C-alpha atoms as a PDB file:
ATOM      1  CA  MET A   1     163.477  43.074  72.475  1.00  0.00           C
ATOM      2  CA  ALA A   2     162.869  47.126  72.651  1.00  0.00           C
ATOM      3  CA  GLY A   3     161.984  47.901  76.049  1.00  0.00           C
ATOM      4  CA  LYS A   4     162.643  50.275  78.683  1.00  0.00           C
ATOM      5  CA  PRO A   5     165.937  49.776  80.427  1.00  0.00           C
ATOM      6  CA  ALA A   6     165.244  48.304  84.259  1.00  0.00           C
ATOM      7  CA  ARG A   7     167.592  50.375  85.784  1.00  0.00           C
ATOM      8  CA  PRO A   8     169.330  53.707  84.154  1.00  0.00           C
ATOM      9  CA  THR A   9     173.405  54.019  83.742  1.00  0.00           C
ATOM     10  CA  ASN A  10     175.338  56.786  85.017  1.00  0.00           C
ATOM     11  CA  ALA A  11     176.513  59.221  82.602  1.00  0.00           C
ATOM     12  CA  ILE A  12     180.109  57.269  83.163  1.00  0.00           C
ATOM     13  CA  ASP A  13     178.782  54.521  82.602  1.00  0.00           C
ATOM     14  CA  GLN A  14     177.123  55.235  79.092  1.00  0.00           C
ATOM     15  CA  THR A  15     180.375  56.934  78.409  1.00  0.00           C
ATOM     16  CA  ARG A  16     182.300  53.974  78.969  1.00  0.00           C
ATOM     17  CA  ARG A  17     180.243  51.710  76.766  1.00  0.00           C
ATOM     18  CA  MET A  18     179.932  54.172  74.200  1.00  0.00           C
ATOM     19  CA  LEU A  19     183.528  53.900  73.695  1.00  0.00           C
ATOM     20  CA  SER A  20     183.928  50.341  73.386  1.00  0.00           C
ATOM     21  CA  LEU A  21     180.876  50.413  70.939  1.00  0.00           C
ATOM     22  CA  VAL A  22     182.643  52.134  68.477  1.00  0.00           C
ATOM     23  CA  THR A  23     185.786  49.337  68.925  1.00  0.00           C
ATOM     24  CA  TYR A  24     182.768  46.587  68.210  1.00  0.00           C
ATOM     25  CA  LEU A  25     181.025  48.467  65.883  1.00  0.00           C
ATOM     26  CA  ARG A  26     184.419  49.175  63.527  1.00  0.00           C
ATOM     27  CA  GLU A  27     185.269  44.740  64.223  1.00  0.00           C
ATOM     28  CA  ARG A  28     181.824  43.771  63.378  1.00  0.00           C
ATOM     29  CA  PRO A  29     180.330  45.376  60.030  1.00  0.00           C
ATOM     30  CA  GLY A  30     176.746  45.158  59.468  1.00  0.00           C
ATOM     31  CA  ALA A  31     176.281  43.979  63.200  1.00  0.00           C
ATOM     32  CA  ARG A  32     172.808  43.166  64.103  1.00  0.00           C
ATOM     33  CA  VAL A  33     171.055  45.462  66.544  1.00  0.00           C
ATOM     34  CA  GLY A  34     169.553  42.502  68.668  1.00  0.00           C
ATOM     35  CA  ASP A  35     173.260  40.641  68.947  1.00  0.00           C
ATOM     36  CA  VAL A  36     175.032  44.280  69.866  1.00  0.00           C
ATOM     37  CA  ALA A  37     172.742  44.820  72.633  1.00  0.00           C
ATOM     38  CA  ARG A  38     172.907  41.464  73.958  1.00  0.00           C
ATOM     39  CA  ALA A  39     176.749  41.983  73.765  1.00  0.00           C
ATOM     40  CA  PHE A  40     176.186  44.985  75.757  1.00  0.00           C
ATOM     41  CA  GLY A  41     173.819  43.544  78.329  1.00  0.00           C
ATOM     42  CA  ILE A  42     171.585  46.684  77.070  1.00  0.00           C
ATOM     43  CA  THR A  43     168.233  47.140  75.267  1.00  0.00           C
ATOM     44  CA  GLU A  44     167.537  47.840  71.862  1.00  0.00           C
ATOM     45  CA  ASP A  45     166.591  51.306  72.938  1.00  0.00           C
ATOM     46  CA  GLU A  46     169.522  52.015  74.738  1.00  0.00           C
ATOM     47  CA  LEU A  47     171.391  51.093  72.164  1.00  0.00           C
ATOM     48  CA  ILE A  48     169.442  52.595  69.127  1.00  0.00           C
ATOM     49  CA  SER A  49     169.941  56.006  72.111  1.00  0.00           C
ATOM     50  CA  ASP A  50     174.194  55.416  72.114  1.00  0.00           C
ATOM     51  CA  LEU A  51     173.809  55.480  67.925  1.00  0.00           C
ATOM     52  CA  ASP A  52     171.641  58.458  67.957  1.00  0.00           C
ATOM     53  CA  VAL A  53     174.895  60.399  69.593  1.00  0.00           C
ATOM     54  CA  LEU A  54     177.916  58.501  67.863  1.00  0.00           C
ATOM     55  CA  PRO A  55     177.242  60.500  64.367  1.00  0.00           C
ATOM     56  CA  LEU A  56     178.159  63.300  66.728  1.00  0.00           C
ATOM     57  CA  CYS A  57     181.632  62.486  67.755  1.00  0.00           C
ATOM     58  CA  GLY A  58     184.838  62.004  65.999  1.00  0.00           C
ATOM     59  CA  THR A  59     188.160  63.715  65.792  1.00  0.00           C
ATOM     60  CA  SER A  60     186.963  67.307  65.423  1.00  0.00           C
ATOM     61  CA  PHE A  61     183.517  68.866  64.444  1.00  0.00           C
ATOM     62  CA  ARG A  62     184.042  68.926  60.745  1.00  0.00           C
ATOM     63  CA  GLY A  63     181.570  66.580  58.645  1.00  0.00           C
ATOM     64  CA  GLY A  64     184.389  64.111  56.944  1.00  0.00           C
ATOM     65  CA  ASP A  65     186.034  63.518  60.686  1.00  0.00           C
ATOM     66  CA  LEU A  66     182.463  62.743  62.322  1.00  0.00           C
ATOM     67  CA  LEU A  67     182.033  59.098  62.593  1.00  0.00           C
ATOM     68  CA  ASP A  68     179.141  57.778  59.965  1.00  0.00           C
ATOM     69  CA  ILE A  69     177.069  55.330  61.732  1.00  0.00           C
ATOM     70  CA  ASP A  70     173.351  54.696  61.140  1.00  0.00           C
ATOM     71  CA  THR A  71     171.322  51.849  61.546  1.00  0.00           C
ATOM     72  CA  ASP A  72     168.127  50.293  59.313  1.00  0.00           C
ATOM     73  CA  GLY A  73     166.653  48.908  62.539  1.00  0.00           C
ATOM     74  CA  ASP A  74     167.703  45.463  61.812  1.00  0.00           C
ATOM     75  CA  ARG A  75     171.703  46.353  60.824  1.00  0.00           C
ATOM     76  CA  ILE A  76     174.397  48.481  62.039  1.00  0.00           C
ATOM     77  CA  TRP A  77     176.426  50.362  59.198  1.00  0.00           C
ATOM     78  CA  TRP A  78     179.701  52.562  59.567  1.00  0.00           C
ATOM     79  CA  HIS A  79     180.726  53.688  56.551  1.00  0.00           C
ATOM     80  CA  ASN A  80     183.741  55.624  56.968  1.00  0.00           C
ATOM     81  CA  PRO A  81     185.840  54.005  60.132  1.00  0.00           C
ATOM     82  CA  ASP A  82     189.211  53.549  58.058  1.00  0.00           C
ATOM     83  CA  ASP A  83     188.828  58.144  57.615  1.00  0.00           C
ATOM     84  CA  VAL A  84     188.553  58.237  61.715  1.00  0.00           C
ATOM     85  CA  ALA A  85     191.030  55.237  62.036  1.00  0.00           C
ATOM     86  CA  ALA A  86     194.119  57.708  61.388  1.00  0.00           C
ATOM     87  CA  PRO A  87     196.154  58.519  64.606  1.00  0.00           C
ATOM     88  CA  LEU A  88     195.151  61.879  66.305  1.00  0.00           C
ATOM     89  CA  ARG A  89     198.174  64.503  66.514  1.00  0.00           C
ATOM     90  CA  ILE A  90     197.391  67.441  68.836  1.00  0.00           C
ATOM     91  CA  ALA A  91     198.873  70.713  69.323  1.00  0.00           C
ATOM     92  CA  ALA A  92     201.092  71.595  72.519  1.00  0.00           C
ATOM     93  CA  ASP A  93     198.000  73.827  73.617  1.00  0.00           C
ATOM     94  CA  GLU A  94     195.604  70.933  73.611  1.00  0.00           C
ATOM     95  CA  ALA A  95     198.000  68.413  74.963  1.00  0.00           C
ATOM     96  CA  THR A  96     198.265  70.731  77.937  1.00  0.00           C
ATOM     97  CA  ALA A  97     194.740  71.110  78.741  1.00  0.00           C
ATOM     98  CA  LEU A  98     193.889  67.467  78.202  1.00  0.00           C
ATOM     99  CA  LEU A  99     196.781  66.676  80.893  1.00  0.00           C
ATOM    100  CA  VAL A 100     196.165  69.766  83.258  1.00  0.00           C
ATOM    101  CA  ALA A 101     192.229  68.560  82.992  1.00  0.00           C
ATOM    102  CA  ALA A 102     193.164  64.562  83.713  1.00  0.00           C
ATOM    103  CA  ARG A 103     194.988  65.469  86.528  1.00  0.00           C
ATOM    104  CA  ALA A 104     192.278  67.375  87.891  1.00  0.00           C
ATOM    105  CA  VAL A 105     189.514  64.918  87.476  1.00  0.00           C
ATOM    106  CA  SER A 106     191.621  62.156  89.304  1.00  0.00           C
ATOM    107  CA  THR A 107     191.375  63.786  92.418  1.00  0.00           C
ATOM    108  CA  LEU A 108     188.183  64.166  92.637  1.00  0.00           C
ATOM    109  CA  PRO A 109     186.585  62.918  95.868  1.00  0.00           C
ATOM    110  CA  GLY A 110     184.184  59.898  95.282  1.00  0.00           C
ATOM    111  CA  LEU A 111     185.930  58.529  92.025  1.00  0.00           C
ATOM    112  CA  ARG A 112     186.066  54.950  91.571  1.00  0.00           C
ATOM    113  CA  GLU A 113     189.394  53.581  92.192  1.00  0.00           C
ATOM    114  CA  GLY A 114     189.253  51.713  88.740  1.00  0.00           C
ATOM    115  CA  ASP A 115     188.250  54.641  87.108  1.00  0.00           C
ATOM    116  CA  ARG A 116     190.960  56.927  89.077  1.00  0.00           C
ATOM    117  CA  GLN A 117     193.668  54.056  87.647  1.00  0.00           C
ATOM    118  CA  ALA A 118     192.463  53.775  84.145  1.00  0.00           C
ATOM    119  CA  LEU A 119     192.918  57.431  83.772  1.00  0.00           C
ATOM    120  CA  LEU A 120     196.280  57.640  85.724  1.00  0.00           C
ATOM    121  CA  ARG A 121     197.514  55.534  82.495  1.00  0.00           C
ATOM    122  CA  ALA A 122     195.804  57.388  80.306  1.00  0.00           C
ATOM    123  CA  THR A 123     197.563  60.488  81.305  1.00  0.00           C
ATOM    124  CA  ALA A 124     201.046  58.968  81.996  1.00  0.00           C
ATOM    125  CA  LYS A 125     200.518  57.773  77.842  1.00  0.00           C
ATOM    126  CA  VAL A 126     199.545  61.200  77.318  1.00  0.00           C
ATOM    127  CA  GLU A 127     202.478  62.277  79.075  1.00  0.00           C
ATOM    128  CA  ALA A 128     204.845  60.452  76.955  1.00  0.00           C
ATOM    129  CA  ALA A 129     203.994  61.423  73.783  1.00  0.00           C
ATOM    130  CA  SER A 130     203.639  65.177  74.500  1.00  0.00           C
ATOM    131  CA  GLY A 131     206.846  66.060  75.281  1.00  0.00           C
ATOM    132  CA  GLU A 132     207.686  69.288  76.515  1.00  0.00           C
ATOM    133  CA  ALA A 133     203.984  70.313  76.684  1.00  0.00           C
ATOM    134  CA  ALA A 134     203.681  67.709  79.541  1.00  0.00           C
ATOM    135  CA  GLY A 135     206.427  69.725  81.467  1.00  0.00           C
ATOM    136  CA  ALA A 136     204.226  72.815  81.026  1.00  0.00           C
ATOM    137  CA  SER A 137     201.188  71.409  82.071  1.00  0.00           C
ATOM    138  CA  SER A 138     202.589  70.007  85.454  1.00  0.00           C
ATOM    139  CA  ARG A 139     202.970  73.793  86.680  1.00  0.00           C
ATOM    140  CA  LEU A 140     199.494  73.826  86.095  1.00  0.00           C
ATOM    141  CA  SER A 141     196.355  72.663  88.308  1.00  0.00           C
ATOM    142  CA  VAL A 142     192.452  73.209  88.170  1.00  0.00           C
ATOM    143  CA  THR A 143     190.519  73.164  91.311  1.00  0.00           C
ATOM    144  CA  PHE A 144     187.089  71.834  90.906  1.00  0.00           C
ATOM    145  CA  GLU A 145     184.167  73.845  92.754  1.00  0.00           C
ATOM    146  CA  SER A 146     182.039  72.148  95.135  1.00  0.00           C
ATOM    147  CA  GLU A 147     179.576  70.964  92.528  1.00  0.00           C
ATOM    148  CA  GLY A 148     182.639  68.675  91.326  1.00  0.00           C
ATOM    149  CA  GLY A 149     182.340  66.592  94.663  1.00  0.00           C
ATOM    150  CA  VAL A 150     178.388  66.078  94.592  1.00  0.00           C
ATOM    151  CA  PHE A 151     178.619  64.955  91.143  1.00  0.00           C
ATOM    152  CA  ALA A 152     181.662  62.768  92.167  1.00  0.00           C
ATOM    153  CA  ASP A 153     178.882  61.600  95.360  1.00  0.00           C
ATOM    154  CA  VAL A 154     176.073  61.417  92.904  1.00  0.00           C
ATOM    155  CA  ASP A 155     177.680  59.418  89.947  1.00  0.00           C
ATOM    156  CA  ARG A 156     179.047  56.936  93.583  1.00  0.00           C
ATOM    157  CA  ALA A 157     175.251  56.640  95.119  1.00  0.00           C
ATOM    158  CA  ILE A 158     174.324  55.870  91.314  1.00  0.00           C
ATOM    159  CA  SER A 159     176.576  53.196  91.245  1.00  0.00           C
ATOM    160  CA  GLU A 160     176.489  51.519  94.099  1.00  0.00           C
ATOM    161  CA  ARG A 161     172.599  51.956  94.020  1.00  0.00           C
ATOM    162  CA  ARG A 162     172.633  53.763  97.961  1.00  0.00           C
ATOM    163  CA  ARG A 163     170.761  56.325  99.016  1.00  0.00           C
ATOM    164  CA  LEU A 164     171.518  60.245  99.568  1.00  0.00           C
ATOM    165  CA  TRP A 165     170.683  63.176 102.455  1.00  0.00           C
ATOM    166  CA  ILE A 166     171.427  66.599 100.973  1.00  0.00           C
ATOM    167  CA  ARG A 167     170.865  70.399 101.986  1.00  0.00           C
ATOM    168  CA  TYR A 168     169.353  71.611  99.060  1.00  0.00           C
ATOM    169  CA  TYR A 169     168.757  75.477  98.259  1.00  0.00           C
ATOM    170  CA  SER A 170     164.843  76.072  97.088  1.00  0.00           C
ATOM    171  CA  PRO A 171     165.585  79.792  94.791  1.00  0.00           C
ATOM    172  CA  SER A 172     161.567  80.104  94.298  1.00  0.00           C
ATOM    173  CA  ARG A 173     160.775  79.558  98.265  1.00  0.00           C
ATOM    174  CA  ASP A 174     164.743  81.189  99.055  1.00  0.00           C
ATOM    175  CA  GLU A 175     165.440  78.245 101.645  1.00  0.00           C
ATOM    176  CA  LEU A 176     167.620  75.314 101.987  1.00  0.00           C
ATOM    177  CA  THR A 177     165.668  71.958 102.728  1.00  0.00           C
ATOM    178  CA  GLU A 178     166.619  68.447 104.410  1.00  0.00           C
ATOM    179  CA  ARG A 179     165.959  65.611 101.729  1.00  0.00           C
ATOM    180  CA  GLU A 180     166.974  61.963 101.444  1.00  0.00           C
ATOM    181  CA  ILE A 181     166.690  61.283  97.679  1.00  0.00           C
ATOM    182  CA  ASP A 182     166.921  57.878  95.837  1.00  0.00           C
ATOM    183  CA  PRO A 183     168.769  58.876  92.924  1.00  0.00           C
ATOM    184  CA  ILE A 184     167.603  57.836  89.209  1.00  0.00           C
ATOM    185  CA  ARG A 185     170.057  59.617  86.715  1.00  0.00           C
ATOM    186  CA  LEU A 186     172.520  62.700  86.138  1.00  0.00           C
ATOM    187  CA  VAL A 187     171.506  64.778  83.449  1.00  0.00           C
ATOM    188  CA  SER A 188     173.389  68.097  81.885  1.00  0.00           C
ATOM    189  CA  VAL A 189     171.103  70.459  80.383  1.00  0.00           C
ATOM    190  CA  GLY A 190     172.623  73.830  80.517  1.00  0.00           C
ATOM    191  CA  HIS A 191     173.704  72.903  84.249  1.00  0.00           C
ATOM    192  CA  THR A 192     173.869  69.371  85.982  1.00  0.00           C
ATOM    193  CA  TYR A 193     171.107  67.965  87.270  1.00  0.00           C
ATOM    194  CA  VAL A 194     170.591  64.478  89.803  1.00  0.00           C
ATOM    195  CA  GLU A 195     166.800  62.789  88.472  1.00  0.00           C
ATOM    196  CA  ALA A 196     165.775  61.761  91.537  1.00  0.00           C
ATOM    197  CA  TRP A 197     163.007  60.004  93.930  1.00  0.00           C
ATOM    198  CA  CYS A 198     162.648  62.730  97.142  1.00  0.00           C
ATOM    199  CA  ARG A 199     161.465  61.066  99.608  1.00  0.00           C
ATOM    200  CA  ARG A 200     160.354  64.000 101.050  1.00  0.00           C
ATOM    201  CA  SER A 201     157.593  64.955  98.350  1.00  0.00           C
ATOM    202  CA  GLU A 202     157.138  60.939  97.448  1.00  0.00           C
ATOM    203  CA  ALA A 203     157.604  62.257  94.062  1.00  0.00           C
ATOM    204  CA  ARG A 204     160.127  62.735  91.069  1.00  0.00           C
ATOM    205  CA  ARG A 205     161.953  65.732  91.303  1.00  0.00           C
ATOM    206  CA  THR A 206     164.922  67.467  89.560  1.00  0.00           C
ATOM    207  CA  PHE A 207     167.556  68.820  91.328  1.00  0.00           C
ATOM    208  CA  ARG A 208     170.346  71.361  90.216  1.00  0.00           C
ATOM    209  CA  LEU A 209     174.164  70.142  91.704  1.00  0.00           C
ATOM    210  CA  ASP A 210     175.281  73.532  92.154  1.00  0.00           C
ATOM    211  CA  ARG A 211     172.193  74.310  94.490  1.00  0.00           C
ATOM    212  CA  VAL A 212     173.317  71.583  96.939  1.00  0.00           C
ATOM    213  CA  ALA A 213     174.932  73.283 100.143  1.00  0.00           C
ATOM    214  CA  GLU A 214     175.788  69.429 102.104  1.00  0.00           C
ATOM    215  CA  ILE A 215     175.457  65.786 100.774  1.00  0.00           C
ATOM    216  CA  ARG A 216     176.198  62.110 102.323  1.00  0.00           C
ATOM    217  CA  ILE A 217     176.077  59.080 100.884  1.00  0.00           C
ATOM    218  CA  LEU A 218     174.148  56.778 103.332  1.00  0.00           C
ATOM    219  CA  ASP A 219     174.300  53.069 104.289  1.00  0.00           C
ATOM    220  CA  GLU A 220     170.503  52.675 103.276  1.00  0.00           C
ATOM    221  CA  PRO A 221     169.881  50.912  99.636  1.00  0.00           C
ATOM    222  CA  SER A 222     168.529  53.319  96.860  1.00  0.00           C
ATOM    223  CA  ALA A 223     165.477  52.060  96.201  1.00  0.00           C
ATOM    224  CA  PRO A 224     163.244  54.708  93.804  1.00  0.00           C
ATOM    225  CA  PRO A 225     159.954  53.480  92.063  1.00  0.00           C
ATOM    226  CA  GLU A 226     159.329  52.259  88.581  1.00  0.00           C
ATOM    227  CA  VAL A 227     159.055  55.312  86.747  1.00  0.00           C
ATOM    228  CA  GLU A 228     159.463  56.338  82.509  1.00  0.00           C
ATOM    229  CA  LEU A 229     162.543  58.459  81.990  1.00  0.00           C
ATOM    230  CA  ARG A 230     161.468  61.375  80.454  1.00  0.00           C
ATOM    231  CA  ASP A 231     162.723  62.803  76.956  1.00  0.00           C
ATOM    232  CA  LEU A 232     165.320  65.929  77.913  1.00  0.00           C
ATOM    233  CA  SER A 233     165.873  66.401  74.054  1.00  0.00           C
ATOM    234  CA  GLU A 234     163.853  69.417  74.244  1.00  0.00           C
ATOM    235  CA  GLY A 235     164.598  70.822  77.172  1.00  0.00           C
ATOM    236  CA  LEU A 236     164.485  70.459  81.152  1.00  0.00           C
ATOM    237  CA  VAL A 237     161.136  72.392  81.895  1.00  0.00           C
ATOM    238  CA  GLN A 238     158.632  70.664  79.845  1.00  0.00           C
ATOM    239  CA  PRO A 239     155.261  72.050  81.856  1.00  0.00           C
ATOM    240  CA  ALA A 240     152.392  69.786  81.354  1.00  0.00           C
ATOM    241  CA  ALA A 241     149.090  70.409  79.715  1.00  0.00           C
ATOM    242  CA  GLU A 242     146.931  70.457  83.158  1.00  0.00           C
ATOM    243  CA  ASP A 243     149.794  72.780  84.645  1.00  0.00           C
ATOM    244  CA  PRO A 244     148.264  76.409  85.652  1.00  0.00           C
ATOM    245  CA  GLU A 245     148.191  79.378  83.032  1.00  0.00           C
ATOM    246  CA  VAL A 246     149.899  82.282  83.658  1.00  0.00           C
ATOM    247  CA  VAL A 247     149.987  85.319  81.613  1.00  0.00           C
ATOM    248  CA  VAL A 248     152.955  87.938  81.746  1.00  0.00           C
ATOM    249  CA  GLU A 249     153.043  91.078  79.451  1.00  0.00           C
ATOM    250  CA  VAL A 250     156.817  92.389  78.685  1.00  0.00           C
ATOM    251  CA  GLY A 251     158.139  95.598  77.253  1.00  0.00           C
ATOM    252  CA  PRO A 252     160.486  95.531  74.516  1.00  0.00           C
ATOM    253  CA  GLY A 253     163.628  94.941  77.090  1.00  0.00           C
ATOM    254  CA  GLY A 254     162.143  91.993  78.318  1.00  0.00           C
ATOM    255  CA  ARG A 255     161.391  90.086  75.374  1.00  0.00           C
ATOM    256  CA  TRP A 256     163.959  87.285  76.037  1.00  0.00           C
ATOM    257  CA  VAL A 257     161.485  85.803  77.930  1.00  0.00           C
ATOM    258  CA  ALA A 258     160.152  84.295  75.148  1.00  0.00           C
ATOM    259  CA  GLU A 259     163.186  82.806  74.398  1.00  0.00           C
ATOM    260  CA  TYR A 260     164.022  81.422  77.906  1.00  0.00           C
ATOM    261  CA  TYR A 261     160.736  79.844  78.888  1.00  0.00           C
ATOM    262  CA  PRO A 262     158.577  77.150  77.177  1.00  0.00           C
ATOM    263  CA  HIS A 263     154.907  78.805  76.218  1.00  0.00           C
ATOM    264  CA  ASP A 264     151.592  78.531  74.619  1.00  0.00           C
ATOM    265  CA  SER A 265     151.870  81.713  73.287  1.00  0.00           C
ATOM    266  CA  ALA A 266     153.259  85.169  72.525  1.00  0.00           C
ATOM    267  CA  ASP A 267     151.297  88.226  71.230  1.00  0.00           C
ATOM    268  CA  GLU A 268     152.975  91.009  69.855  1.00  0.00           C
ATOM    269  CA  LEU A 269     151.460  94.283  72.183  1.00  0.00           C
ATOM    270  CA  PRO A 270     152.092  97.799  70.599  1.00  0.00           C
ATOM    271  CA  ASP A 271     154.683  99.084  72.091  1.00  0.00           C
ATOM    272  CA  GLY A 272     156.896  96.384  70.594  1.00  0.00           C
ATOM    273  CA  GLY A 273     156.554  94.163  74.274  1.00  0.00           C
ATOM    274  CA  LEU A 274     154.716  90.895  74.122  1.00  0.00           C
ATOM    275  CA  ARG A 275     151.809  89.216  75.874  1.00  0.00           C
ATOM    276  CA  ILE A 276     153.092  85.528  76.786  1.00  0.00           C
ATOM    277  CA  THR A 277     151.292  82.659  77.621  1.00  0.00           C
ATOM    278  CA  LEU A 278     152.692  79.907  79.810  1.00  0.00           C
ATOM    279  CA  ARG A 279     152.363  76.944  82.170  1.00  0.00           C
ATOM    280  CA  THR A 280     154.174  75.622  85.111  1.00  0.00           C
ATOM    281  CA  PRO A 281     153.810  73.712  87.835  1.00  0.00           C
ATOM    282  CA  ASP A 282     154.304  76.271  90.338  1.00  0.00           C
ATOM    283  CA  PRO A 283     153.155  79.587  89.614  1.00  0.00           C
ATOM    284  CA  THR A 284     155.008  81.126  92.433  1.00  0.00           C
ATOM    285  CA  SER A 285     158.164  80.469  91.083  1.00  0.00           C
ATOM    286  CA  LEU A 286     157.585  83.175  88.747  1.00  0.00           C
ATOM    287  CA  ARG A 287     157.356  85.551  91.170  1.00  0.00           C
ATOM    288  CA  ARG A 288     161.393  86.630  90.828  1.00  0.00           C
ATOM    289  CA  LEU A 289     161.017  86.308  87.084  1.00  0.00           C
ATOM    290  CA  ALA A 290     158.810  89.275  88.051  1.00  0.00           C
ATOM    291  CA  LEU A 291     161.098  91.557  90.587  1.00  0.00           C
ATOM    292  CA  ARG A 292     163.625  90.494  88.092  1.00  0.00           C
ATOM    293  CA  LEU A 293     161.617  92.218  85.283  1.00  0.00           C
ATOM    294  CA  GLY A 294     160.968  95.086  87.060  1.00  0.00           C
ATOM    295  CA  ARG A 295     160.131  97.869  84.529  1.00  0.00           C
ATOM    296  CA  ASP A 296     160.135  95.801  81.880  1.00  0.00           C
ATOM    297  CA  GLY A 297     157.603  93.178  82.685  1.00  0.00           C
ATOM    298  CA  ARG A 298     154.355  92.542  84.977  1.00  0.00           C
ATOM    299  CA  ILE A 299     152.701  89.734  86.020  1.00  0.00           C
ATOM    300  CA  VAL A 300     148.507  89.993  84.340  1.00  0.00           C
ATOM    301  CA  SER A 301     146.941  86.705  85.586  1.00  0.00           C
ATOM    302  CA  PRO A 302     145.974  84.841  87.530  1.00  0.00           C
ATOM    303  CA  PRO A 303     145.802  87.500  89.651  1.00  0.00           C
ATOM    304  CA  GLU A 304     146.304  86.228  92.980  1.00  0.00           C
ATOM    305  CA  LEU A 305     149.585  85.671  91.502  1.00  0.00           C
ATOM    306  CA  ALA A 306     150.020  89.182  90.606  1.00  0.00           C
ATOM    307  CA  ASP A 307     148.727  90.698  94.327  1.00  0.00           C
ATOM    308  CA  SER A 308     151.837  88.117  95.636  1.00  0.00           C
ATOM    309  CA  ALA A 309     154.233  89.791  92.723  1.00  0.00           C
ATOM    310  CA  ARG A 310     153.121  93.683  93.530  1.00  0.00           C
ATOM    311  CA  GLN A 311     153.353  92.832  97.652  1.00  0.00           C
ATOM    312  CA  ALA A 312     156.653  90.914  96.644  1.00  0.00           C
ATOM    313  CA  ALA A 313     158.097  94.323  95.069  1.00  0.00           C
ATOM    314  CA  ARG A 314     156.819  96.546  97.669  1.00  0.00           C
ATOM    315  CA  GLU A 315     158.300  94.509 100.254  1.00  0.00           C
ATOM    316  CA  ALA A 316     161.306  94.600  98.117  1.00  0.00           C
ATOM    317  CA  LEU A 317     161.265  98.522  97.808  1.00  0.00           C
ATOM    318  CA  ALA A 318     160.952  98.861 101.393  1.00  0.00           C
ATOM    319  CA  ALA A 319     163.684  96.627 102.382  1.00  0.00           C
ATOM    320  CA  TYR A 320     166.155  98.447  99.762  1.00  0.00           C
ATOM    321  CA  ASP A 321     164.761 101.890 100.661  1.00  0.00           C
ATOM    322  CA  GLY A 322     164.575 101.611 104.496  1.00  0.00           C
ATOM    323  CA  LEU A 323     161.105 102.702 104.122  1.00  0.00           C
ATOM    324  CA  ASP A 324     159.161 102.439 107.625  1.00  0.00           C
ATOM    325  CA  GLY A 325     155.359 102.509 105.803  1.00  0.00           C
ATOM    326  CA  GLY A 326     155.497 106.750 105.889  1.00  0.00           C
ATOM    327  CA  GLY A 327     153.347 108.808 103.600  1.00  0.00           C
ATOM    328  CA  ASP A 328     154.386 108.495 100.602  1.00  0.00           C
ATOM    329  CA  GLY A 329     152.494 111.486  99.191  1.00  0.00           C
ATOM    330  CA  ASP A 330     150.027 109.487  96.936  1.00  0.00           C
ATOM    331  CA  GLY A 331     147.811 109.211 100.111  1.00  0.00           C
ATOM    332  CA  ASP A 332     147.324 104.936  99.934  1.00  0.00           C
ATOM    333  CA  GLY A 333     149.511 105.079 102.827  1.00  0.00           C
ATOM    334  CA  ASP A 334     151.642 101.981 101.639  1.00  0.00           C
ATOM    335  CA  GLY A 335     154.635 103.342 101.519  1.00  0.00           C
ATOM    336  CA  VAL A 336     155.209 103.815  97.969  1.00  0.00           C
ATOM    337  CA  GLN A 337     154.858 106.236  94.413  1.00  0.00           C
ATOM    338  CA  ASP A 338     152.081 105.191  92.330  1.00  0.00           C
ATOM    339  CA  ARG A 339     154.033 105.220  88.803  1.00  0.00           C
ATOM    340  CA  PRO A 340     153.121 103.496  86.225  1.00  0.00           C
ATOM    341  CA  PHE A 341     155.743 100.915  84.809  1.00  0.00           C
ATOM    342  CA  ASP A 342     158.037 102.824  87.436  1.00  0.00           C
ATOM    343  CA  ARG A 343     159.208 101.845  90.700  1.00  0.00           C
ATOM    344  CA  GLN A 344     155.920 100.993  92.159  1.00  0.00           C
ATOM    345  CA  GLU A 345     155.097  98.493  89.410  1.00  0.00           C
ATOM    346  CA  GLN A 346     158.615  96.946  89.802  1.00  0.00           C
ATOM    347  CA  GLY A 347     157.457  92.810  89.176  1.00  0.00           C
ATOM    348  CA  LEU A 348     153.857  93.556  89.189  1.00  0.00           C
END
């Protein structure tokens, strides 16, 4: 029966399952959806989701080298198994890159021992087939940034269903906070994130791994409440209709905002800029956007957010210029010259 999974799997488990699925389907042309789902212990919805991804995989990005797999909802058909069955031949530079990456991944802290041993066996086979390229790769090494260790710990916590303690940097508030979270899944949308139930806020939250300053796997079991997994195909940030509305006006140099921020409307302005209406659950997070835009944009509404951005701009300028509140020659005593869309207007 189709339905939501009782417990989401992590990215490594899904990759392992999909690799097995290719072999399974090759040996069973026309296999029934229900039979395959039962064989892999997943729901039909999860299986269909995997089948949506498989046609993007293959020996290259050329159309004929991709897996031509589809389903009519009842049976699964693989139309070109023989076309992609030829042994894959890789060039010396490709073999070197693969071996260096495999050795680096095998050293990640938190990697399950079974996965580590499987990776090392696969690496040995590639080395044997690579000849001189294997020798060249042994002279290279890769050191992962901290996100690699965080990823491994999160993946392990999801696999073992254990709670995590993290120190997390929130850029919108410019502060580090300590939280206990029950991880739900790892997702990659530009950056890598963990979607989790945050015990501090008692709500679902998404944390970017490169903003995790410290992490520990706790002995306490992870027990997130049943939540419906969001469809992230259209991006991580998906504003809701009930979120507060914010209006931002940008000049020609700020038109990129309409490309990077989901918005309700973007109306042309006479000077070549845009009047952008968007929604966000946390309007204060847009103060950083306003400061980044500088003279290329300003917040129009709500008024309290515009005032807050104006104050943040003044404080930033005061810190930059070393102003001490003395006169600025315009008579208002705020220490900032009132020049439209110049320094005082940065971030308004």
